Amino acid sequence: MTTSTAPKEGAPPSRAAPAMNKADQVLAAMQAFMDEVTSSKEKARAFLIEVGYLDEQGNVTEPYRQ
């Protein structure tokens, strides 16, 4: 048995998804990064320490205190 990938008669032609522009690509990458970083409490804490918002004990560092 063979399967045909030809569209059925009278069916509208299929369209490929439009190519993403640079801004959409950056936004998608940022969203994927945010999803990864916030996927667990441990990953979120490690990220906040890495960027300097928290110290190793989990306290807010001096530049970010009010």
C-alpha atoms as a PDB file:
ATOM      1  CA  MET A   1       0.000   0.000   0.000  1.00  0.00           C
ATOM      2  CA  THR A   2       1.332   3.433  -0.870  1.00  0.00           C
ATOM      3  CA  THR A   3       0.225   6.721   0.536  1.00  0.00           C
ATOM      4  CA  SER A   4      -0.109   9.782  -1.567  1.00  0.00           C
ATOM      5  CA  THR A   5       0.882  13.204  -0.318  1.00  0.00           C
ATOM      6  CA  ALA A   6      -0.910  14.983  -3.133  1.00  0.00           C
ATOM      7  CA  PRO A   7      -3.699  17.291  -1.960  1.00  0.00           C
ATOM      8  CA  LYS A   8      -7.251  16.156  -2.465  1.00  0.00           C
ATOM      9  CA  GLU A   9      -9.024  17.577  -5.454  1.00  0.00           C
ATOM     10  CA  GLY A  10     -10.607  20.908  -4.582  1.00  0.00           C
ATOM     11  CA  ALA A  11      -8.587  21.306  -1.367  1.00  0.00           C
ATOM     12  CA  PRO A  12      -6.884  24.662  -0.872  1.00  0.00           C
ATOM     13  CA  PRO A  13      -3.134  24.616  -1.413  1.00  0.00           C
ATOM     14  CA  SER A  14      -1.141  24.159   1.779  1.00  0.00           C
ATOM     15  CA  ARG A  15       1.013  27.015   2.970  1.00  0.00           C
ATOM     16  CA  ALA A  16       4.306  26.763   4.756  1.00  0.00           C
ATOM     17  CA  ALA A  17       4.575  28.686   8.003  1.00  0.00           C
ATOM     18  CA  PRO A  18       5.868  32.195   7.378  1.00  0.00           C
ATOM     19  CA  ALA A  19       9.550  32.662   8.082  1.00  0.00           C
ATOM     20  CA  MET A  20      10.261  34.298  11.423  1.00  0.00           C
ATOM     21  CA  ASN A  21      11.864  37.713  11.288  1.00  0.00           C
ATOM     22  CA  LYS A  22      14.855  38.529  13.494  1.00  0.00           C
ATOM     23  CA  ALA A  23      12.756  40.112  16.259  1.00  0.00           C
ATOM     24  CA  ASP A  24      10.504  37.036  16.425  1.00  0.00           C
ATOM     25  CA  GLN A  25      13.568  34.778  16.578  1.00  0.00           C
ATOM     26  CA  VAL A  26      15.051  36.772  19.452  1.00  0.00           C
ATOM     27  CA  LEU A  27      11.727  36.801  21.283  1.00  0.00           C
ATOM     28  CA  ALA A  28      11.380  33.032  20.853  1.00  0.00           C
ATOM     29  CA  ALA A  29      14.920  32.493  22.165  1.00  0.00           C
ATOM     30  CA  MET A  30      14.238  34.730  25.169  1.00  0.00           C
ATOM     31  CA  GLN A  31      11.006  32.868  25.921  1.00  0.00           C
ATOM     32  CA  ALA A  32      12.771  29.500  25.696  1.00  0.00           C
ATOM     33  CA  PHE A  33      15.511  30.747  28.051  1.00  0.00           C
ATOM     34  CA  MET A  34      12.958  32.082  30.532  1.00  0.00           C
ATOM     35  CA  ASP A  35      11.045  28.787  30.428  1.00  0.00           C
ATOM     36  CA  GLU A  36      14.265  26.879  31.166  1.00  0.00           C
ATOM     37  CA  VAL A  37      15.432  29.191  33.975  1.00  0.00           C
ATOM     38  CA  THR A  38      12.046  29.171  35.692  1.00  0.00           C
ATOM     39  CA  SER A  39      11.432  25.446  35.295  1.00  0.00           C
ATOM     40  CA  SER A  40      12.511  24.797  38.882  1.00  0.00           C
ATOM     41  CA  LYS A  41      13.210  26.727  42.045  1.00  0.00           C
ATOM     42  CA  GLU A  42      16.834  25.558  42.011  1.00  0.00           C
ATOM     43  CA  LYS A  43      17.444  26.766  38.437  1.00  0.00           C
ATOM     44  CA  ALA A  44      15.830  30.122  39.175  1.00  0.00           C
ATOM     45  CA  ARG A  45      17.952  30.605  42.300  1.00  0.00           C
ATOM     46  CA  ALA A  46      21.146  29.594  40.456  1.00  0.00           C
ATOM     47  CA  PHE A  47      20.368  32.130  37.720  1.00  0.00           C
ATOM     48  CA  LEU A  48      19.742  34.937  40.223  1.00  0.00           C
ATOM     49  CA  ILE A  49      23.048  34.154  41.936  1.00  0.00           C
ATOM     50  CA  GLU A  50      24.870  34.011  38.584  1.00  0.00           C
ATOM     51  CA  VAL A  51      23.647  37.468  37.552  1.00  0.00           C
ATOM     52  CA  GLY A  52      24.417  38.938  40.971  1.00  0.00           C
ATOM     53  CA  TYR A  53      20.919  39.603  42.248  1.00  0.00           C
ATOM     54  CA  LEU A  54      21.287  37.101  45.118  1.00  0.00           C
ATOM     55  CA  ASP A  55      24.324  36.078  47.151  1.00  0.00           C
ATOM     56  CA  GLU A  56      25.164  32.440  47.926  1.00  0.00           C
ATOM     57  CA  GLN A  57      22.958  32.537  51.030  1.00  0.00           C
ATOM     58  CA  GLY A  58      19.966  33.705  48.977  1.00  0.00           C
ATOM     59  CA  ASN A  59      19.987  37.300  50.212  1.00  0.00           C
ATOM     60  CA  VAL A  60      19.404  40.209  47.842  1.00  0.00           C
ATOM     61  CA  THR A  61      22.756  41.848  47.114  1.00  0.00           C
ATOM     62  CA  GLU A  62      23.484  45.453  48.088  1.00  0.00           C
ATOM     63  CA  PRO A  63      22.896  47.134  44.686  1.00  0.00           C
ATOM     64  CA  TYR A  64      19.315  45.788  44.593  1.00  0.00           C
ATOM     65  CA  ARG A  65      18.280  46.541  48.176  1.00  0.00           C
ATOM     66  CA  GLN A  66      15.929  49.447  48.797  1.00  0.00           C
END
